[in-house]
């Protein structure tokens, strides 16, 4: 068994930023990463200073190189499958039956989106079927755009996306669950509501061209916004007994601490703000606070 100060589960933006903070604190760190970030299909990332417009792969490559220059940081390309508390910390096992221990754990494995079973949707996800106007809305500004949602989420998205384009259609993909008041406001803003179920998405390399409805109708669009259900990419938080929010994120406080002592969480797994800048910020906070906890356990009387 190899011993570390901190094991970070997940090596994308949040995990690497946590690792860098800990590496600069001269902590012995293991980052376990499966290589499946949720933005891997996205052609360009935006709204992050110094890297605006670069691909997620380019940004991740630079981040990995800069983080791993610190000699106390090790990156393991694997998948953490089990984490259990031990006397002074935690024991982590991987899919290849390797076992490691650490005093602290940082969960940064992100989430997995649950795609609807509609032909063409998954191929367009992150390219022209998008979740965040702050990340991608500028590129589709003023263009024919759809919203794939129903109920309260549909109303909130219609209000939000109307900032970027007035050429909007709301697809509820079945009977609308909007209130009469919400429907009235949406119609007042000249947003069409279509309740027919979607049969398929035509696209070229992930770029939407046409939406086909079950009733035979065809609608030309350039982009579609969707908020999908998701699951945690790793079940380690569940194994450890961490609490979750109603939305399904790992519950953390302002210091990125979970409800389990010694366990922190950062990035998409612990926040609904799906942006690199937020992942980096929360990862840094998790690394800093994990290091502070380690310091206190040694420096303050009675903490050992």
C-alpha atoms as a PDB file:
ATOM      1  CA  UNK A   1       0.000   0.000   0.000  1.00  0.00           C
ATOM      2  CA  UNK A   2       1.291   3.455  -0.927  1.00  0.00           C
ATOM      3  CA  UNK A   3       0.611   6.267   1.502  1.00  0.00           C
ATOM      4  CA  UNK A   4      -0.288   9.843   0.554  1.00  0.00           C
ATOM      5  CA  UNK A   5      -1.361  12.979   2.353  1.00  0.00           C
ATOM      6  CA  UNK A   6      -4.315  13.433  -0.015  1.00  0.00           C
ATOM      7  CA  UNK A   7      -5.912  11.313  -2.712  1.00  0.00           C
ATOM      8  CA  UNK A   8      -7.883  13.218  -5.348  1.00  0.00           C
ATOM      9  CA  UNK A   9     -10.471  11.192  -7.259  1.00  0.00           C
ATOM     10  CA  UNK A  10     -10.859  12.869 -10.643  1.00  0.00           C
ATOM     11  CA  UNK A  11      -8.161  14.637 -12.645  1.00  0.00           C
ATOM     12  CA  UNK A  12      -9.941  17.278 -14.700  1.00  0.00           C
ATOM     13  CA  UNK A  13     -10.096  21.016 -13.890  1.00  0.00           C
ATOM     14  CA  UNK A  14     -11.199  20.700 -10.252  1.00  0.00           C
ATOM     15  CA  UNK A  15      -8.941  17.769  -9.407  1.00  0.00           C
ATOM     16  CA  UNK A  16      -5.868  19.270 -11.024  1.00  0.00           C
ATOM     17  CA  UNK A  17      -6.338  22.659  -9.385  1.00  0.00           C
ATOM     18  CA  UNK A  18      -6.710  20.941  -6.007  1.00  0.00           C
ATOM     19  CA  UNK A  19      -3.567  18.983  -6.794  1.00  0.00           C
ATOM     20  CA  UNK A  20      -1.615  22.101  -7.698  1.00  0.00           C
ATOM     21  CA  UNK A  21      -2.560  23.824  -4.430  1.00  0.00           C
ATOM     22  CA  UNK A  22      -1.448  20.769  -2.480  1.00  0.00           C
ATOM     23  CA  UNK A  23       1.699  20.275  -4.550  1.00  0.00           C
ATOM     24  CA  UNK A  24       2.712  23.851  -3.827  1.00  0.00           C
ATOM     25  CA  UNK A  25       2.138  23.047  -0.152  1.00  0.00           C
ATOM     26  CA  UNK A  26       4.620  20.170  -0.630  1.00  0.00           C
ATOM     27  CA  UNK A  27       2.018  17.534   0.122  1.00  0.00           C
ATOM     28  CA  UNK A  28       2.299  14.010  -1.233  1.00  0.00           C
ATOM     29  CA  UNK A  29      -0.707  13.706  -3.550  1.00  0.00           C
ATOM     30  CA  UNK A  30      -2.205  10.996  -5.736  1.00  0.00           C
ATOM     31  CA  UNK A  31      -4.650  11.996  -8.473  1.00  0.00           C
ATOM     32  CA  UNK A  32      -6.680   9.079  -9.838  1.00  0.00           C
ATOM     33  CA  UNK A  33      -8.311   9.901 -13.173  1.00  0.00           C
ATOM     34  CA  UNK A  34     -10.343   7.747 -15.565  1.00  0.00           C
ATOM     35  CA  UNK A  35      -9.886  10.160 -18.496  1.00  0.00           C
ATOM     36  CA  UNK A  36     -13.611  10.770 -19.118  1.00  0.00           C
ATOM     37  CA  UNK A  37     -14.364  14.461 -18.442  1.00  0.00           C
ATOM     38  CA  UNK A  38     -17.970  15.439 -19.177  1.00  0.00           C
ATOM     39  CA  UNK A  39     -16.891  18.215 -21.594  1.00  0.00           C
ATOM     40  CA  UNK A  40     -14.729  15.954 -23.757  1.00  0.00           C
ATOM     41  CA  UNK A  41     -17.032  16.355 -26.795  1.00  0.00           C
ATOM     42  CA  UNK A  42     -17.202  20.161 -26.563  1.00  0.00           C
ATOM     43  CA  UNK A  43     -15.249  21.788 -29.426  1.00  0.00           C
ATOM     44  CA  UNK A  44     -14.370  25.010 -27.596  1.00  0.00           C
ATOM     45  CA  UNK A  45     -14.437  26.289 -24.020  1.00  0.00           C
ATOM     46  CA  UNK A  46     -15.267  29.891 -23.212  1.00  0.00           C
ATOM     47  CA  UNK A  47     -15.557  32.368 -20.360  1.00  0.00           C
ATOM     48  CA  UNK A  48     -12.221  31.433 -18.775  1.00  0.00           C
ATOM     49  CA  UNK A  49      -9.490  34.073 -18.815  1.00  0.00           C
ATOM     50  CA  UNK A  50      -6.345  33.278 -20.883  1.00  0.00           C
ATOM     51  CA  UNK A  51      -7.938  30.170 -22.415  1.00  0.00           C
ATOM     52  CA  UNK A  52     -11.073  31.532 -24.110  1.00  0.00           C
ATOM     53  CA  UNK A  53     -11.860  29.560 -27.264  1.00  0.00           C
ATOM     54  CA  UNK A  54      -9.434  26.710 -26.687  1.00  0.00           C
ATOM     55  CA  UNK A  55     -10.581  23.095 -26.699  1.00  0.00           C
ATOM     56  CA  UNK A  56     -11.134  21.331 -23.375  1.00  0.00           C
ATOM     57  CA  UNK A  57      -8.342  18.942 -24.357  1.00  0.00           C
ATOM     58  CA  UNK A  58      -5.881  21.793 -24.887  1.00  0.00           C
ATOM     59  CA  UNK A  59      -6.767  23.383 -21.562  1.00  0.00           C
ATOM     60  CA  UNK A  60      -6.557  20.054 -19.735  1.00  0.00           C
ATOM     61  CA  UNK A  61      -3.198  19.238 -21.321  1.00  0.00           C
ATOM     62  CA  UNK A  62      -1.688  22.522 -20.131  1.00  0.00           C
ATOM     63  CA  UNK A  63      -3.231  22.106 -16.681  1.00  0.00           C
ATOM     64  CA  UNK A  64      -1.876  18.573 -16.367  1.00  0.00           C
ATOM     65  CA  UNK A  65       1.646  19.593 -17.441  1.00  0.00           C
ATOM     66  CA  UNK A  66       1.760  22.487 -15.008  1.00  0.00           C
ATOM     67  CA  UNK A  67       0.349  20.481 -12.104  1.00  0.00           C
ATOM     68  CA  UNK A  68       2.621  17.484 -12.572  1.00  0.00           C
ATOM     69  CA  UNK A  69       5.778  19.595 -12.553  1.00  0.00           C
ATOM     70  CA  UNK A  70       5.455  19.482  -8.759  1.00  0.00           C
ATOM     71  CA  UNK A  71       7.421  16.362  -7.751  1.00  0.00           C
ATOM     72  CA  UNK A  72       5.146  15.319  -4.873  1.00  0.00           C
ATOM     73  CA  UNK A  73       2.154  14.856  -7.210  1.00  0.00           C
ATOM     74  CA  UNK A  74       1.456  11.519  -8.916  1.00  0.00           C
ATOM     75  CA  UNK A  75      -1.174  11.006 -11.620  1.00  0.00           C
ATOM     76  CA  UNK A  76      -2.608   7.514 -11.994  1.00  0.00           C
ATOM     77  CA  UNK A  77      -4.698   6.756 -15.093  1.00  0.00           C
ATOM     78  CA  UNK A  78      -7.244   4.445 -13.520  1.00  0.00           C
ATOM     79  CA  UNK A  79     -10.628   4.418 -11.816  1.00  0.00           C
ATOM     80  CA  UNK A  80     -11.211   4.489  -8.077  1.00  0.00           C
ATOM     81  CA  UNK A  81     -13.759   1.820  -7.234  1.00  0.00           C
ATOM     82  CA  UNK A  82     -13.810   1.744  -3.446  1.00  0.00           C
ATOM     83  CA  UNK A  83     -12.969   4.046  -0.552  1.00  0.00           C
ATOM     84  CA  UNK A  84     -13.232   3.035   3.088  1.00  0.00           C
ATOM     85  CA  UNK A  85     -12.289   4.803   6.333  1.00  0.00           C
ATOM     86  CA  UNK A  86      -9.273   3.418   8.220  1.00  0.00           C
ATOM     87  CA  UNK A  87      -7.675   4.391  11.514  1.00  0.00           C
ATOM     88  CA  UNK A  88      -5.912   7.511  10.252  1.00  0.00           C
ATOM     89  CA  UNK A  89      -7.632   8.372   7.017  1.00  0.00           C
ATOM     90  CA  UNK A  90      -8.924   6.376   4.089  1.00  0.00           C
ATOM     91  CA  UNK A  91      -8.034   3.420   1.908  1.00  0.00           C
ATOM     92  CA  UNK A  92      -8.742   3.660  -1.829  1.00  0.00           C
ATOM     93  CA  UNK A  93      -8.835   0.745  -4.269  1.00  0.00           C
ATOM     94  CA  UNK A  94      -8.781   1.005  -8.055  1.00  0.00           C
ATOM     95  CA  UNK A  95     -10.278  -1.002 -10.876  1.00  0.00           C
ATOM     96  CA  UNK A  96      -6.891  -2.694 -11.355  1.00  0.00           C
ATOM     97  CA  UNK A  97      -6.856  -3.849  -7.697  1.00  0.00           C
ATOM     98  CA  UNK A  98      -4.216  -1.353  -6.572  1.00  0.00           C
ATOM     99  CA  UNK A  99      -4.614  -0.002  -3.035  1.00  0.00           C
ATOM    100  CA  UNK A 100      -3.537   3.344  -1.609  1.00  0.00           C
ATOM    101  CA  UNK A 101      -4.101   5.254   1.614  1.00  0.00           C
ATOM    102  CA  UNK A 102      -4.417   8.940   2.439  1.00  0.00           C
ATOM    103  CA  UNK A 103      -5.265  11.187   5.361  1.00  0.00           C
ATOM    104  CA  UNK A 104      -7.737  13.219   3.276  1.00  0.00           C
ATOM    105  CA  UNK A 105      -9.891  12.634   0.196  1.00  0.00           C
ATOM    106  CA  UNK A 106     -10.998  15.144  -2.451  1.00  0.00           C
ATOM    107  CA  UNK A 107     -13.864  14.034  -4.703  1.00  0.00           C
ATOM    108  CA  UNK A 108     -13.634  15.674  -8.133  1.00  0.00           C
ATOM    109  CA  UNK A 109     -14.827  13.009 -10.561  1.00  0.00           C
ATOM    110  CA  UNK A 110     -17.689  15.122 -11.949  1.00  0.00           C
ATOM    111  CA  UNK A 111     -21.023  13.918 -13.251  1.00  0.00           C
ATOM    112  CA  UNK A 112     -22.475  11.886 -16.120  1.00  0.00           C
ATOM    113  CA  UNK A 113     -25.338  13.361 -18.133  1.00  0.00           C
ATOM    114  CA  UNK A 114     -28.284  11.068 -18.836  1.00  0.00           C
ATOM    115  CA  UNK A 115     -29.142  11.481 -22.518  1.00  0.00           C
ATOM    116  CA  UNK A 116     -32.681  11.042 -23.846  1.00  0.00           C
ATOM    117  CA  UNK A 117     -33.043   8.130 -26.237  1.00  0.00           C
ATOM    118  CA  UNK A 118     -33.539  10.309 -29.321  1.00  0.00           C
ATOM    119  CA  UNK A 119     -31.379   9.658 -32.416  1.00  0.00           C
ATOM    120  CA  UNK A 120     -28.800  12.388 -32.894  1.00  0.00           C
ATOM    121  CA  UNK A 121     -29.062  13.909 -29.403  1.00  0.00           C
ATOM    122  CA  UNK A 122     -25.920  12.351 -27.919  1.00  0.00           C
ATOM    123  CA  UNK A 123     -23.894  13.143 -31.045  1.00  0.00           C
ATOM    124  CA  UNK A 124     -24.822  16.837 -30.730  1.00  0.00           C
ATOM    125  CA  UNK A 125     -24.400  17.123 -26.962  1.00  0.00           C
ATOM    126  CA  UNK A 126     -21.800  19.732 -26.065  1.00  0.00           C
ATOM    127  CA  UNK A 127     -21.561  20.911 -29.678  1.00  0.00           C
ATOM    128  CA  UNK A 128     -24.915  22.349 -30.757  1.00  0.00           C
ATOM    129  CA  UNK A 129     -27.080  20.880 -28.004  1.00  0.00           C
ATOM    130  CA  UNK A 130     -25.724  22.846 -25.093  1.00  0.00           C
ATOM    131  CA  UNK A 131     -26.405  23.510 -21.421  1.00  0.00           C
ATOM    132  CA  UNK A 132     -24.919  26.947 -20.666  1.00  0.00           C
ATOM    133  CA  UNK A 133     -25.376  30.252 -22.533  1.00  0.00           C
ATOM    134  CA  UNK A 134     -22.436  31.791 -20.673  1.00  0.00           C
ATOM    135  CA  UNK A 135     -20.197  29.050 -22.083  1.00  0.00           C
ATOM    136  CA  UNK A 136     -21.640  28.839 -25.604  1.00  0.00           C
ATOM    137  CA  UNK A 137     -24.418  31.403 -26.090  1.00  0.00           C
ATOM    138  CA  UNK A 138     -22.306  34.089 -27.751  1.00  0.00           C
ATOM    139  CA  UNK A 139     -21.480  31.772 -30.669  1.00  0.00           C
ATOM    140  CA  UNK A 140     -25.206  31.125 -31.265  1.00  0.00           C
ATOM    141  CA  UNK A 141     -26.411  34.655 -30.583  1.00  0.00           C
ATOM    142  CA  UNK A 142     -29.369  35.927 -32.673  1.00  0.00           C
ATOM    143  CA  UNK A 143     -29.736  32.517 -34.379  1.00  0.00           C
ATOM    144  CA  UNK A 144     -32.757  30.150 -34.526  1.00  0.00           C
ATOM    145  CA  UNK A 145     -32.549  28.314 -31.211  1.00  0.00           C
ATOM    146  CA  UNK A 146     -34.560  25.708 -29.355  1.00  0.00           C
ATOM    147  CA  UNK A 147     -35.065  24.875 -25.697  1.00  0.00           C
ATOM    148  CA  UNK A 148     -35.552  21.250 -24.648  1.00  0.00           C
ATOM    149  CA  UNK A 149     -37.324  21.391 -21.299  1.00  0.00           C
ATOM    150  CA  UNK A 150     -40.683  21.423 -19.550  1.00  0.00           C
ATOM    151  CA  UNK A 151     -42.295  22.963 -16.501  1.00  0.00           C
ATOM    152  CA  UNK A 152     -40.378  25.344 -14.247  1.00  0.00           C
ATOM    153  CA  UNK A 153     -37.040  24.588 -15.939  1.00  0.00           C
ATOM    154  CA  UNK A 154     -38.530  25.444 -19.342  1.00  0.00           C
ATOM    155  CA  UNK A 155     -39.785  28.772 -18.045  1.00  0.00           C
ATOM    156  CA  UNK A 156     -36.444  29.684 -16.481  1.00  0.00           C
ATOM    157  CA  UNK A 157     -34.496  28.687 -19.595  1.00  0.00           C
ATOM    158  CA  UNK A 158     -36.847  30.620 -21.878  1.00  0.00           C
ATOM    159  CA  UNK A 159     -36.301  33.728 -19.772  1.00  0.00           C
ATOM    160  CA  UNK A 160     -32.517  33.227 -19.668  1.00  0.00           C
ATOM    161  CA  UNK A 161     -31.883  32.343 -23.312  1.00  0.00           C
ATOM    162  CA  UNK A 162     -34.014  35.255 -24.550  1.00  0.00           C
ATOM    163  CA  UNK A 163     -31.028  37.433 -23.656  1.00  0.00           C
ATOM    164  CA  UNK A 164     -28.994  35.837 -26.456  1.00  0.00           C
ATOM    165  CA  UNK A 165     -31.648  35.413 -29.146  1.00  0.00           C
ATOM    166  CA  UNK A 166     -35.293  36.302 -29.721  1.00  0.00           C
ATOM    167  CA  UNK A 167     -35.666  33.540 -32.337  1.00  0.00           C
ATOM    168  CA  UNK A 168     -36.736  30.889 -29.833  1.00  0.00           C
ATOM    169  CA  UNK A 169     -38.877  27.748 -29.814  1.00  0.00           C
ATOM    170  CA  UNK A 170     -39.647  25.774 -26.670  1.00  0.00           C
ATOM    171  CA  UNK A 171     -39.921  21.999 -27.105  1.00  0.00           C
ATOM    172  CA  UNK A 172     -41.635  20.359 -24.119  1.00  0.00           C
ATOM    173  CA  UNK A 173     -41.334  16.935 -25.839  1.00  0.00           C
ATOM    174  CA  UNK A 174     -44.800  15.955 -24.647  1.00  0.00           C
ATOM    175  CA  UNK A 175     -47.688  17.654 -22.890  1.00  0.00           C
ATOM    176  CA  UNK A 176     -46.650  20.971 -21.371  1.00  0.00           C
ATOM    177  CA  UNK A 177     -46.490  21.195 -17.578  1.00  0.00           C
ATOM    178  CA  UNK A 178     -46.111  24.976 -17.620  1.00  0.00           C
ATOM    179  CA  UNK A 179     -48.644  26.940 -15.608  1.00  0.00           C
ATOM    180  CA  UNK A 180     -51.120  29.146 -17.456  1.00  0.00           C
ATOM    181  CA  UNK A 181     -49.252  32.187 -16.198  1.00  0.00           C
ATOM    182  CA  UNK A 182     -45.907  30.868 -17.468  1.00  0.00           C
ATOM    183  CA  UNK A 183     -47.364  30.005 -20.859  1.00  0.00           C
ATOM    184  CA  UNK A 184     -48.844  33.490 -21.108  1.00  0.00           C
ATOM    185  CA  UNK A 185     -45.512  35.164 -20.355  1.00  0.00           C
ATOM    186  CA  UNK A 186     -43.634  32.921 -22.805  1.00  0.00           C
ATOM    187  CA  UNK A 187     -46.167  33.623 -25.556  1.00  0.00           C
ATOM    188  CA  UNK A 188     -46.040  37.360 -24.766  1.00  0.00           C
ATOM    189  CA  UNK A 189     -42.313  37.166 -25.523  1.00  0.00           C
ATOM    190  CA  UNK A 190     -43.053  35.589 -28.932  1.00  0.00           C
ATOM    191  CA  UNK A 191     -41.636  32.193 -28.006  1.00  0.00           C
ATOM    192  CA  UNK A 192     -43.447  29.316 -29.684  1.00  0.00           C
ATOM    193  CA  UNK A 193     -44.308  26.284 -27.550  1.00  0.00           C
ATOM    194  CA  UNK A 194     -44.301  22.887 -29.279  1.00  0.00           C
ATOM    195  CA  UNK A 195     -45.636  19.936 -27.301  1.00  0.00           C
ATOM    196  CA  UNK A 196     -45.095  17.269 -29.974  1.00  0.00           C
ATOM    197  CA  UNK A 197     -42.527  14.595 -29.197  1.00  0.00           C
ATOM    198  CA  UNK A 198     -39.181  14.768 -30.990  1.00  0.00           C
ATOM    199  CA  UNK A 199     -38.334  11.823 -33.230  1.00  0.00           C
ATOM    200  CA  UNK A 200     -34.765  12.639 -34.249  1.00  0.00           C
ATOM    201  CA  UNK A 201     -32.107  15.288 -34.761  1.00  0.00           C
ATOM    202  CA  UNK A 202     -30.437  15.680 -38.142  1.00  0.00           C
ATOM    203  CA  UNK A 203     -26.891  16.996 -37.840  1.00  0.00           C
ATOM    204  CA  UNK A 204     -23.503  17.274 -39.511  1.00  0.00           C
ATOM    205  CA  UNK A 205     -20.695  16.292 -37.142  1.00  0.00           C
ATOM    206  CA  UNK A 206     -22.785  17.297 -34.151  1.00  0.00           C
ATOM    207  CA  UNK A 207     -24.110  20.507 -35.655  1.00  0.00           C
ATOM    208  CA  UNK A 208     -27.934  20.482 -35.679  1.00  0.00           C
ATOM    209  CA  UNK A 209     -29.663  21.121 -38.988  1.00  0.00           C
ATOM    210  CA  UNK A 210     -33.220  19.836 -38.488  1.00  0.00           C
ATOM    211  CA  UNK A 211     -35.466  18.608 -35.687  1.00  0.00           C
ATOM    212  CA  UNK A 212     -37.967  15.934 -36.758  1.00  0.00           C
ATOM    213  CA  UNK A 213     -41.166  15.590 -34.735  1.00  0.00           C
ATOM    214  CA  UNK A 214     -43.179  12.392 -34.368  1.00  0.00           C
ATOM    215  CA  UNK A 215     -46.057  14.033 -36.283  1.00  0.00           C
ATOM    216  CA  UNK A 216     -43.826  14.497 -39.345  1.00  0.00           C
ATOM    217  CA  UNK A 217     -43.054  18.190 -38.875  1.00  0.00           C
ATOM    218  CA  UNK A 218     -39.524  19.460 -39.485  1.00  0.00           C
ATOM    219  CA  UNK A 219     -37.958  22.512 -37.878  1.00  0.00           C
ATOM    220  CA  UNK A 220     -34.635  24.096 -38.801  1.00  0.00           C
ATOM    221  CA  UNK A 221     -32.455  25.198 -35.895  1.00  0.00           C
ATOM    222  CA  UNK A 222     -28.841  26.130 -35.175  1.00  0.00           C
ATOM    223  CA  UNK A 223     -28.736  25.263 -31.471  1.00  0.00           C
ATOM    224  CA  UNK A 224     -30.750  23.687 -28.676  1.00  0.00           C
ATOM    225  CA  UNK A 225     -30.420  24.280 -24.929  1.00  0.00           C
ATOM    226  CA  UNK A 226     -31.110  21.381 -22.584  1.00  0.00           C
ATOM    227  CA  UNK A 227     -30.743  20.693 -18.879  1.00  0.00           C
ATOM    228  CA  UNK A 228     -30.344  16.964 -18.465  1.00  0.00           C
ATOM    229  CA  UNK A 229     -30.678  14.710 -15.451  1.00  0.00           C
ATOM    230  CA  UNK A 230     -27.337  13.400 -14.253  1.00  0.00           C
ATOM    231  CA  UNK A 231     -25.669  10.914 -11.939  1.00  0.00           C
ATOM    232  CA  UNK A 232     -22.375  11.156 -10.121  1.00  0.00           C
ATOM    233  CA  UNK A 233     -19.494   9.850 -12.235  1.00  0.00           C
ATOM    234  CA  UNK A 234     -18.197   7.969  -9.204  1.00  0.00           C
ATOM    235  CA  UNK A 235     -20.128   6.334  -6.362  1.00  0.00           C
ATOM    236  CA  UNK A 236     -17.329   6.938  -3.844  1.00  0.00           C
ATOM    237  CA  UNK A 237     -19.293   9.751  -2.153  1.00  0.00           C
ATOM    238  CA  UNK A 238     -22.221   7.369  -1.689  1.00  0.00           C
ATOM    239  CA  UNK A 239     -19.926   4.670  -0.294  1.00  0.00           C
ATOM    240  CA  UNK A 240     -18.538   7.121   2.261  1.00  0.00           C
ATOM    241  CA  UNK A 241     -21.988   8.268   3.347  1.00  0.00           C
ATOM    242  CA  UNK A 242     -21.747  11.854   2.080  1.00  0.00           C
ATOM    243  CA  UNK A 243     -24.970  13.851   2.002  1.00  0.00           C
ATOM    244  CA  UNK A 244     -26.365  15.062  -1.316  1.00  0.00           C
ATOM    245  CA  UNK A 245     -28.427  18.067  -2.332  1.00  0.00           C
ATOM    246  CA  UNK A 246     -31.942  17.693  -3.719  1.00  0.00           C
ATOM    247  CA  UNK A 247     -30.451  18.212  -7.188  1.00  0.00           C
ATOM    248  CA  UNK A 248     -28.004  15.314  -6.741  1.00  0.00           C
ATOM    249  CA  UNK A 249     -24.763  17.180  -6.061  1.00  0.00           C
ATOM    250  CA  UNK A 250     -22.458  16.273  -3.188  1.00  0.00           C
ATOM    251  CA  UNK A 251     -23.304  18.616  -0.325  1.00  0.00           C
ATOM    252  CA  UNK A 252     -20.396  20.882   0.644  1.00  0.00           C
ATOM    253  CA  UNK A 253     -19.892  23.977   2.771  1.00  0.00           C
ATOM    254  CA  UNK A 254     -18.033  27.169   1.816  1.00  0.00           C
ATOM    255  CA  UNK A 255     -14.716  25.367   2.370  1.00  0.00           C
ATOM    256  CA  UNK A 256     -15.695  22.476   0.055  1.00  0.00           C
ATOM    257  CA  UNK A 257     -16.026  20.123   3.034  1.00  0.00           C
ATOM    258  CA  UNK A 258     -18.571  17.326   2.681  1.00  0.00           C
ATOM    259  CA  UNK A 259     -20.610  16.012   5.602  1.00  0.00           C
ATOM    260  CA  UNK A 260     -17.986  13.288   6.152  1.00  0.00           C
ATOM    261  CA  UNK A 261     -14.915  14.460   8.127  1.00  0.00           C
ATOM    262  CA  UNK A 262     -11.737  14.454   6.060  1.00  0.00           C
ATOM    263  CA  UNK A 263     -13.588  14.346   2.733  1.00  0.00           C
ATOM    264  CA  UNK A 264     -13.859  17.318   0.371  1.00  0.00           C
ATOM    265  CA  UNK A 265     -15.608  17.691  -2.994  1.00  0.00           C
ATOM    266  CA  UNK A 266     -15.130  20.123  -5.864  1.00  0.00           C
ATOM    267  CA  UNK A 267     -16.197  20.795  -9.438  1.00  0.00           C
ATOM    268  CA  UNK A 268     -19.353  19.584 -11.166  1.00  0.00           C
ATOM    269  CA  UNK A 269     -19.890  16.816  -8.626  1.00  0.00           C
ATOM    270  CA  UNK A 270     -20.570  19.459  -5.966  1.00  0.00           C
ATOM    271  CA  UNK A 271     -21.975  22.408  -7.923  1.00  0.00           C
ATOM    272  CA  UNK A 272     -24.590  23.187 -10.546  1.00  0.00           C
ATOM    273  CA  UNK A 273     -22.319  25.850 -12.073  1.00  0.00           C
ATOM    274  CA  UNK A 274     -20.739  23.837 -14.858  1.00  0.00           C
ATOM    275  CA  UNK A 275     -17.832  26.039 -15.882  1.00  0.00           C
ATOM    276  CA  UNK A 276     -14.060  25.569 -15.879  1.00  0.00           C
ATOM    277  CA  UNK A 277     -13.588  28.755 -13.872  1.00  0.00           C
ATOM    278  CA  UNK A 278     -15.861  27.446 -11.115  1.00  0.00           C
ATOM    279  CA  UNK A 279     -14.196  24.031 -11.146  1.00  0.00           C
ATOM    280  CA  UNK A 280     -10.757  25.612 -10.792  1.00  0.00           C
ATOM    281  CA  UNK A 281     -11.940  27.873  -7.966  1.00  0.00           C
ATOM    282  CA  UNK A 282     -13.595  25.099  -5.983  1.00  0.00           C
ATOM    283  CA  UNK A 283     -10.659  22.745  -6.576  1.00  0.00           C
ATOM    284  CA  UNK A 284      -8.192  25.292  -5.261  1.00  0.00           C
ATOM    285  CA  UNK A 285     -10.378  25.883  -2.206  1.00  0.00           C
ATOM    286  CA  UNK A 286     -10.599  22.138  -1.520  1.00  0.00           C
ATOM    287  CA  UNK A 287      -6.821  21.761  -1.792  1.00  0.00           C
ATOM    288  CA  UNK A 288      -6.133  24.756   0.451  1.00  0.00           C
ATOM    289  CA  UNK A 289      -8.605  23.677   3.129  1.00  0.00           C
ATOM    290  CA  UNK A 290      -7.421  20.048   3.094  1.00  0.00           C
ATOM    291  CA  UNK A 291      -3.873  21.309   3.615  1.00  0.00           C
ATOM    292  CA  UNK A 292      -4.985  23.609   6.450  1.00  0.00           C
ATOM    293  CA  UNK A 293      -6.710  20.692   8.153  1.00  0.00           C
ATOM    294  CA  UNK A 294      -3.511  18.636   7.894  1.00  0.00           C
ATOM    295  CA  UNK A 295      -1.523  21.510   9.397  1.00  0.00           C
ATOM    296  CA  UNK A 296      -3.941  21.896  12.288  1.00  0.00           C
ATOM    297  CA  UNK A 297      -3.812  18.204  13.096  1.00  0.00           C
ATOM    298  CA  UNK A 298      -0.048  18.464  13.653  1.00  0.00           C
ATOM    299  CA  UNK A 299       0.387  21.998  14.972  1.00  0.00           C
ATOM    300  CA  UNK A 300      -2.507  22.427  17.393  1.00  0.00           C
ATOM    301  CA  UNK A 301      -2.496  20.557  20.728  1.00  0.00           C
ATOM    302  CA  UNK A 302      -4.949  17.708  20.936  1.00  0.00           C
ATOM    303  CA  UNK A 303      -5.547  17.517  17.171  1.00  0.00           C
ATOM    304  CA  UNK A 304      -3.243  14.559  16.516  1.00  0.00           C
END
